Each structure stands twice: as C-alpha cells, then as structure tokens.
Protein backbone atom coordinates (compact mmCIF):
# COMPACT_ATOMS: atom_id res chain seq x y z
CA ALA A 1 0.00 0.00 0.00
CA LEU A 2 2.83 2.39 0.84
CA LEU A 3 4.61 1.65 -2.44
CA LEU A 4 1.41 2.18 -4.45
CA ASN A 5 0.75 5.46 -2.67
CA ILE A 6 4.27 6.74 -3.38
CA SER A 7 4.28 5.62 -7.00
CA PHE A 8 0.71 6.33 -8.14
CA GLY A 9 -1.05 8.42 -5.50
CA PRO A 10 -4.04 7.93 -3.19
CA ARG A 11 -6.58 6.96 -5.89
CA ILE A 12 -4.73 3.75 -6.75
CA ASN A 13 -4.09 3.14 -3.07
CA ALA A 14 -7.85 3.40 -2.50
CA ALA A 15 -8.42 0.70 -5.11
CA TYR A 16 -5.97 -1.56 -3.29
CA SER A 17 -7.77 -0.92 0.02
CA VAL A 18 -11.10 -1.88 -1.56
CA ALA A 19 -9.53 -5.09 -2.88
CA ASN A 20 -8.23 -5.91 0.59
CA GLN A 21 -11.70 -5.51 2.09
CA VAL A 22 -13.31 -7.71 -0.56
CA GLY A 23 -10.58 -10.32 -0.19
CA SER A 24 -10.81 -10.43 3.60
CA GLN A 25 -14.57 -11.01 3.47
CA ALA A 26 -14.25 -13.83 0.94
CA ASN A 27 -11.44 -15.34 3.02
CA GLN A 28 -13.25 -15.51 6.36
CA LEU A 29 -14.88 -18.92 5.97
CA SER A 30 -11.64 -20.43 4.72
CA VAL A 31 -9.80 -19.08 7.77
CA ALA A 32 -12.50 -20.57 10.01
CA MET A 33 -11.93 -23.97 8.39
CA ILE A 34 -8.18 -23.70 8.99
CA ASN A 35 -8.77 -22.84 12.66
CA ALA A 36 -11.10 -25.82 12.96
CA PHE A 37 -8.42 -28.22 11.69
CA SER A 38 -5.60 -26.81 13.84
CA PRO A 39 -6.45 -28.42 17.23
CA GLU A 40 -6.96 -31.91 15.79
CA ILE A 41 -3.75 -31.73 13.74
CA THR A 42 -1.79 -30.66 16.83
CA ALA A 43 -3.48 -33.32 18.98
CA SER A 44 -2.74 -36.06 16.42
CA GLU A 45 0.95 -35.17 16.37
CA GLY A 46 0.94 -35.04 20.19
CA ARG A 47 -0.46 -38.60 20.25
CA SER A 48 2.32 -39.66 17.85
CA GLU A 49 -0.26 -40.28 15.13
CA HIS A 50 1.96 -38.78 12.47
CA LYS A 51 0.19 -40.38 9.53
CA ARG A 52 -3.20 -39.02 10.65
CA MET A 53 -1.66 -35.58 11.14
CA LEU A 54 -0.40 -35.60 7.55
CA GLU A 55 -3.79 -36.74 6.24
CA LEU A 56 -5.52 -33.94 8.13
CA SER A 57 -3.09 -31.36 6.78
CA LEU A 58 -3.81 -32.46 3.21
CA ASN A 59 -7.54 -32.30 3.94
CA ALA A 60 -7.06 -28.79 5.33
CA ASN A 61 -5.36 -27.80 2.06
CA LYS A 62 -8.19 -28.92 -0.19
CA LEU A 63 -11.16 -27.99 2.01
CA SER A 64 -9.92 -24.48 2.75
CA SER A 65 -9.23 -24.04 -0.99
CA ILE A 66 -12.74 -25.15 -1.87
CA LEU A 67 -14.33 -22.91 0.75
CA ILE A 68 -12.59 -19.79 -0.51
CA SER A 69 -13.37 -20.74 -4.12
CA LEU A 70 -17.05 -21.08 -3.15
CA PHE A 71 -17.25 -17.30 -2.65
CA SER A 72 -14.29 -16.07 -4.68
CA ILE A 73 -15.33 -17.41 -8.08
CA PRO A 74 -18.72 -15.62 -8.24
CA ILE A 75 -16.98 -12.45 -7.03
CA LEU A 76 -14.26 -12.78 -9.67
CA PHE A 77 -16.83 -12.75 -12.47
CA GLU A 78 -19.27 -10.25 -10.94
CA ILE A 79 -16.84 -7.85 -9.29
CA ASN A 80 -17.61 -4.89 -11.56
CA TYR A 81 -21.32 -5.04 -10.75
CA ILE A 82 -20.67 -5.70 -7.04
CA LEU A 83 -18.41 -2.66 -6.76
CA THR A 84 -20.96 -0.53 -8.58
CA ILE A 85 -23.66 -1.54 -6.09
CA TRP A 86 -21.35 -1.04 -3.13
CA LEU A 87 -19.45 2.13 -4.06
CA VAL A 88 -21.48 3.50 -7.01
CA THR A 89 -18.27 4.93 -8.50
CA PRO A 90 -15.44 2.56 -7.51
CA PRO A 91 -11.79 3.70 -7.67
CA PRO A 92 -9.87 2.99 -10.89
CA LEU A 93 -8.42 -0.54 -11.09
CA ALA A 94 -10.38 -1.68 -8.01
CA ALA A 95 -11.92 -4.58 -9.95
CA SER A 96 -8.55 -5.71 -11.33
CA PHE A 97 -6.98 -5.55 -7.88
CA CYS A 98 -9.85 -7.58 -6.41
CA ARG A 99 -9.48 -10.32 -9.01
CA LEU A 100 -5.72 -10.55 -8.59
CA LEU A 101 -5.90 -10.57 -4.80
CA LEU A 102 -8.56 -13.29 -4.77
CA LEU A 103 -6.35 -15.32 -7.09
CA THR A 104 -3.49 -15.08 -4.58
CA PHE A 105 -5.79 -16.43 -1.86
CA LEU A 106 -6.83 -19.35 -4.07
CA ILE A 107 -3.20 -20.26 -4.71
CA ASP A 108 -2.12 -19.78 -1.10
CA ARG A 109 -4.85 -22.01 0.32
CA LEU A 110 -3.51 -24.98 -1.64
CA GLY A 111 -0.65 -25.14 0.87
CA THR A 112 -2.22 -23.79 4.05
CA GLY A 113 -2.41 -27.22 5.67
CA TYR A 114 1.39 -27.39 5.60
CA ILE A 115 1.54 -24.43 8.00
CA LEU A 116 -0.59 -26.38 10.49
CA ALA A 117 1.54 -29.51 10.04
CA PHE A 118 4.81 -27.63 10.57
CA ASN A 119 3.36 -25.88 13.60
CA ALA A 120 2.22 -29.18 15.13
CA SER A 121 5.65 -30.70 14.50
CA GLY A 122 7.52 -27.81 16.12
CA LEU A 123 9.21 -26.84 12.83
CA ILE A 124 7.31 -23.63 12.19
CA SER A 125 10.50 -21.50 12.27
CA ILE A 126 11.80 -23.24 9.14
CA LEU A 127 8.62 -22.52 7.21
CA GLN A 128 8.25 -18.96 8.50
CA LEU A 129 11.84 -18.12 7.54
CA SER A 130 11.23 -19.38 4.02
CA THR A 131 7.90 -17.55 3.84
CA GLY A 132 9.36 -14.26 5.03
CA CYS A 133 12.29 -14.35 2.62
CA ILE A 134 10.13 -15.17 -0.41
CA LEU A 135 7.40 -12.62 0.34
CA CYS A 136 9.89 -9.83 1.08
CA VAL A 137 11.19 -10.21 -2.49
CA THR A 138 7.81 -8.92 -3.74
CA LEU A 139 8.58 -5.36 -2.63
CA PRO A 140 11.87 -4.80 -4.54
CA ILE A 141 10.48 -6.56 -7.62
CA SER A 142 7.42 -4.29 -7.58
CA TYR A 143 9.58 -1.21 -7.10
CA TYR A 144 11.72 -2.22 -10.08
CA LEU A 145 8.62 -2.83 -12.24
CA PHE A 146 7.18 0.58 -11.31
CA LYS A 147 10.45 2.28 -12.19
CA LYS A 148 10.34 0.58 -15.58
CA GLY A 149 6.87 1.98 -16.24
CA PHE A 150 4.75 -1.09 -15.50
CA PRO A 151 1.12 -0.48 -14.37
CA PRO A 152 -0.01 -0.57 -10.72
CA ALA A 153 -1.48 -4.09 -11.05
CA SER A 154 2.05 -5.42 -11.56
CA ILE A 155 2.55 -5.32 -7.77
CA LEU A 156 -0.12 -8.00 -7.37
CA ILE A 157 1.23 -9.99 -10.30
CA ALA A 158 4.59 -9.99 -8.50
CA TYR A 159 2.74 -11.09 -5.35
CA ILE A 160 1.05 -13.95 -7.24
CA ILE A 161 4.44 -15.11 -8.50
CA SER A 162 5.82 -14.99 -4.94
CA ILE A 163 2.83 -16.89 -3.54
CA THR A 164 3.17 -19.56 -6.25
CA ILE A 165 6.88 -19.99 -5.46
CA LEU A 166 6.03 -20.14 -1.76
CA LEU A 167 3.43 -22.85 -2.41
CA PHE A 168 6.00 -25.09 -4.07
CA VAL A 169 8.52 -24.35 -1.32
CA ARG A 170 5.96 -25.51 1.24
CA VAL A 171 5.34 -28.69 -0.74
CA ILE A 172 9.08 -29.40 -1.05
CA LEU A 173 9.72 -28.68 2.64
CA GLY A 174 6.71 -30.84 3.51
CA LYS A 175 8.37 -33.72 1.67
CA SER A 176 11.85 -33.22 3.14
CA LYS A 177 10.92 -32.36 6.74
CA LEU A 178 7.58 -34.09 7.35
CA GLY A 179 7.46 -36.85 4.75
CA ILE A 180 4.37 -35.57 2.95
CA SER A 181 4.44 -37.09 -0.53
CA ILE A 182 4.58 -34.55 -3.36
CA ARG A 183 2.69 -37.02 -5.53
CA GLY A 184 0.09 -37.33 -2.78
CA TRP A 185 -0.35 -33.56 -2.67
CA VAL A 186 -0.80 -33.44 -6.45
CA LEU A 187 -3.34 -36.30 -6.50
CA ILE A 188 -5.22 -35.45 -3.30
CA VAL A 189 -5.13 -31.64 -3.33
CA LEU A 190 -4.01 -30.02 -6.58
CA ILE A 191 -5.86 -32.02 -9.24
CA PRO A 192 -9.24 -32.40 -7.46
CA THR A 193 -9.27 -28.76 -6.35
CA SER A 194 -8.33 -27.57 -9.83
CA MET A 195 -11.17 -29.62 -11.33
CA VAL A 196 -13.70 -28.00 -8.98
CA ILE A 197 -12.35 -24.50 -9.65
CA ILE A 198 -12.35 -25.02 -13.43
CA LEU A 199 -15.94 -26.31 -13.48
CA SER A 200 -17.15 -23.49 -11.21
CA SER A 201 -15.31 -20.86 -13.26
CA ALA A 202 -16.70 -22.23 -16.53
CA THR A 203 -20.22 -22.03 -15.08
CA ALA A 204 -19.76 -18.43 -13.92
CA PHE A 205 -18.18 -17.44 -17.24
CA PHE A 206 -21.04 -18.93 -19.24
CA ILE A 207 -23.71 -17.12 -17.21
CA THR A 208 -21.92 -13.75 -17.30
CA GLN A 209 -21.46 -14.03 -21.06
CA LEU A 210 -25.08 -14.99 -21.62
CA LEU A 211 -26.74 -12.23 -19.56
CA HIS A 212 -26.26 -8.50 -19.09
CA PRO A 213 -25.06 -7.19 -15.71
CA SER A 214 -27.96 -7.00 -13.25
CA LEU A 215 -29.01 -8.05 -9.78
CA TYR A 216 -30.74 -11.06 -11.32
CA ARG A 217 -27.49 -12.13 -13.02
CA LEU A 218 -25.53 -11.63 -9.79
CA ILE A 219 -27.95 -13.86 -7.86
CA LEU A 220 -28.02 -16.46 -10.64
CA THR A 221 -24.24 -16.52 -11.04
CA THR A 222 -23.68 -16.84 -7.31
CA SER A 223 -26.30 -19.52 -6.66
CA VAL A 224 -25.58 -21.71 -9.70
CA THR A 225 -21.80 -21.43 -9.36
CA MET A 226 -21.96 -22.36 -5.68
CA LEU A 227 -24.24 -25.32 -6.49
CA VAL A 228 -21.83 -26.57 -9.16
CA ASN A 229 -18.93 -26.06 -6.73
CA LEU A 230 -20.62 -28.12 -4.02
CA ILE A 231 -21.65 -30.93 -6.39
CA ALA A 232 -18.18 -31.08 -7.96
CA SER A 233 -16.59 -31.04 -4.48
CA PHE A 234 -18.78 -33.96 -3.44
CA PHE A 235 -17.40 -36.10 -6.28
CA PHE A 236 -13.83 -34.78 -6.63
CA ILE A 237 -12.84 -33.63 -3.13
CA LEU A 238 -14.48 -36.16 -0.82
CA ASN A 239 -13.35 -39.77 -0.74
CA SER A 240 -15.80 -42.67 -0.89
CA SER A 241 -16.14 -43.05 2.89
CA GLN A 242 -16.77 -39.32 3.33
CA ARG A 243 -19.44 -39.41 0.61
CA ARG A 244 -21.13 -42.39 2.25
CA GLY A 245 -21.06 -40.59 5.59
CA ILE A 246 -22.73 -37.48 4.14
CA ILE A 247 -25.39 -39.54 2.33
CA LYS A 248 -26.09 -41.46 5.55
CA LYS A 249 -26.52 -38.23 7.55
CA LEU A 250 -28.80 -36.78 4.88
CA ARG A 251 -30.97 -39.87 4.96
CA ILE A 252 -31.19 -39.72 8.76
CA SER A 253 -32.12 -36.02 8.61
CA MET A 254 -34.78 -36.65 5.95
CA HIS A 255 -36.19 -39.55 7.95
CA ARG A 256 -36.45 -37.41 11.11
CA SER A 257 -38.17 -34.57 9.22
CA LYS A 258 -40.97 -36.84 8.03
C-alpha cells in the first residue's frame, strides 16, 4: 500500500484498500476452516499419530481451498457489478486488484495445511523463515517494475508469483521435513481442487457471457456457481467413505423430518 501510494497516489491506493476488504470477506470462511483443523492436527501429532496428522493437513489444504473458491469465483466474475452496487463509482483498477488478490488467496490455500503440520511438529520457524524471505522479495520486484513503467497491477502480479513460489517451497519442505508425498499432494489436493475451480469458473463465465449485468445475473451466477462447486466437491474432493457418511446423515435427517 505504501509503495502504491508513493508511485501512483491515493486513488490507486484506495483501489488496493477496496480489494483488501473484498478479499478479507471472501477469506473468512476459509480461515475458520483452517482454525477448525488446527487443534486436531496438533493433537494427532501429540499422540504420535503422524500419519493421521499428515492426512488432516492435506484435507485442510483442499477444504480451505474449496471454501474460498465457493465465494471467490462468483466475485471474480461479478466484481464490476458488485463494486458498482457497493461504491457507485469505484476507484480505478479496483476490480482488477480484487481479481488478482482473490487469485493469490486461491493459490495460497492450496498449501495452508502445511503451516498447520509444521506448527504441530515444532518446525514452524523453518517454514516462516522461508515464507518471510520469499514474500519480502515482492517489494523490490514491484519497485523495479514501477520504475520501468509497468502499471499498478504489476505489484499484485509480483505477489502472485511470490505466492506460487512459496506454495511449491511448502510442498518441497513438507516432503523433506515431514514426509508428505509430493505425488500425494498433487493427487489429493491439486488435481481435485483444480477440477472443482475449473468447473465453477466455466459455469460463472457462461452465465456472465449470456446475460447482461444485473441483480438477477448476480444472484443467478452466485447460486448456480456455488451449487456446481458443491456438487463437484462432493465427487472430486471427498473420498468414498466421506461421501457415504454425508449420504447417511442426509438420509437420517430426511427420515427425522418426516
């Protein structure tokens, strides 16, 4: 924010502030999911159930990613209309900043479970040192890009690059320090989550291309995209035992309601 203010003035800084507010709201449920996993991951490691701790950390990765995508994807495609309703005349580049910042959250959540696993294992200093070094590089890169005449959004593009590098560093450290299989992360987290995000994004894109911006389109995009996200998550994110458990609970609930 300071760098944007110095380089481009308060109007661009206002756009970044708006993006931060939108991003924080979309991120709340995902953060709640992470906090819900934390005690059980720590307790599992304390009971020397290392394998269960690793499984929980991978589940935290994919479930927190899905939860943030549940709200982020409709916002990504409807952000212009949302900002118009909220601010009437939003600051320049606010929509672009919102999209880029939400994208950073989507990428970051793919490795959030590793933070919980490292914390439970008492190795959080290793991960935090790596995180700090990588994220600090964003500032000089952005400053260099601004000096070369790149637009304000380049600061978030640099941030996305840093977050992507950080994600792979977490995965590599997870393999070397905790024994979390990289192949397991790809098969359990990356591929299923990507499938859900792609299907949800395709749904939102189709609706926004078919209809003109309106409150009706916003409601339709949000509801249908969320429904597709939940259905896709049921088949791609949950394993067979988890699906059976959900179906069983639904049947019990339906039976009690009769």
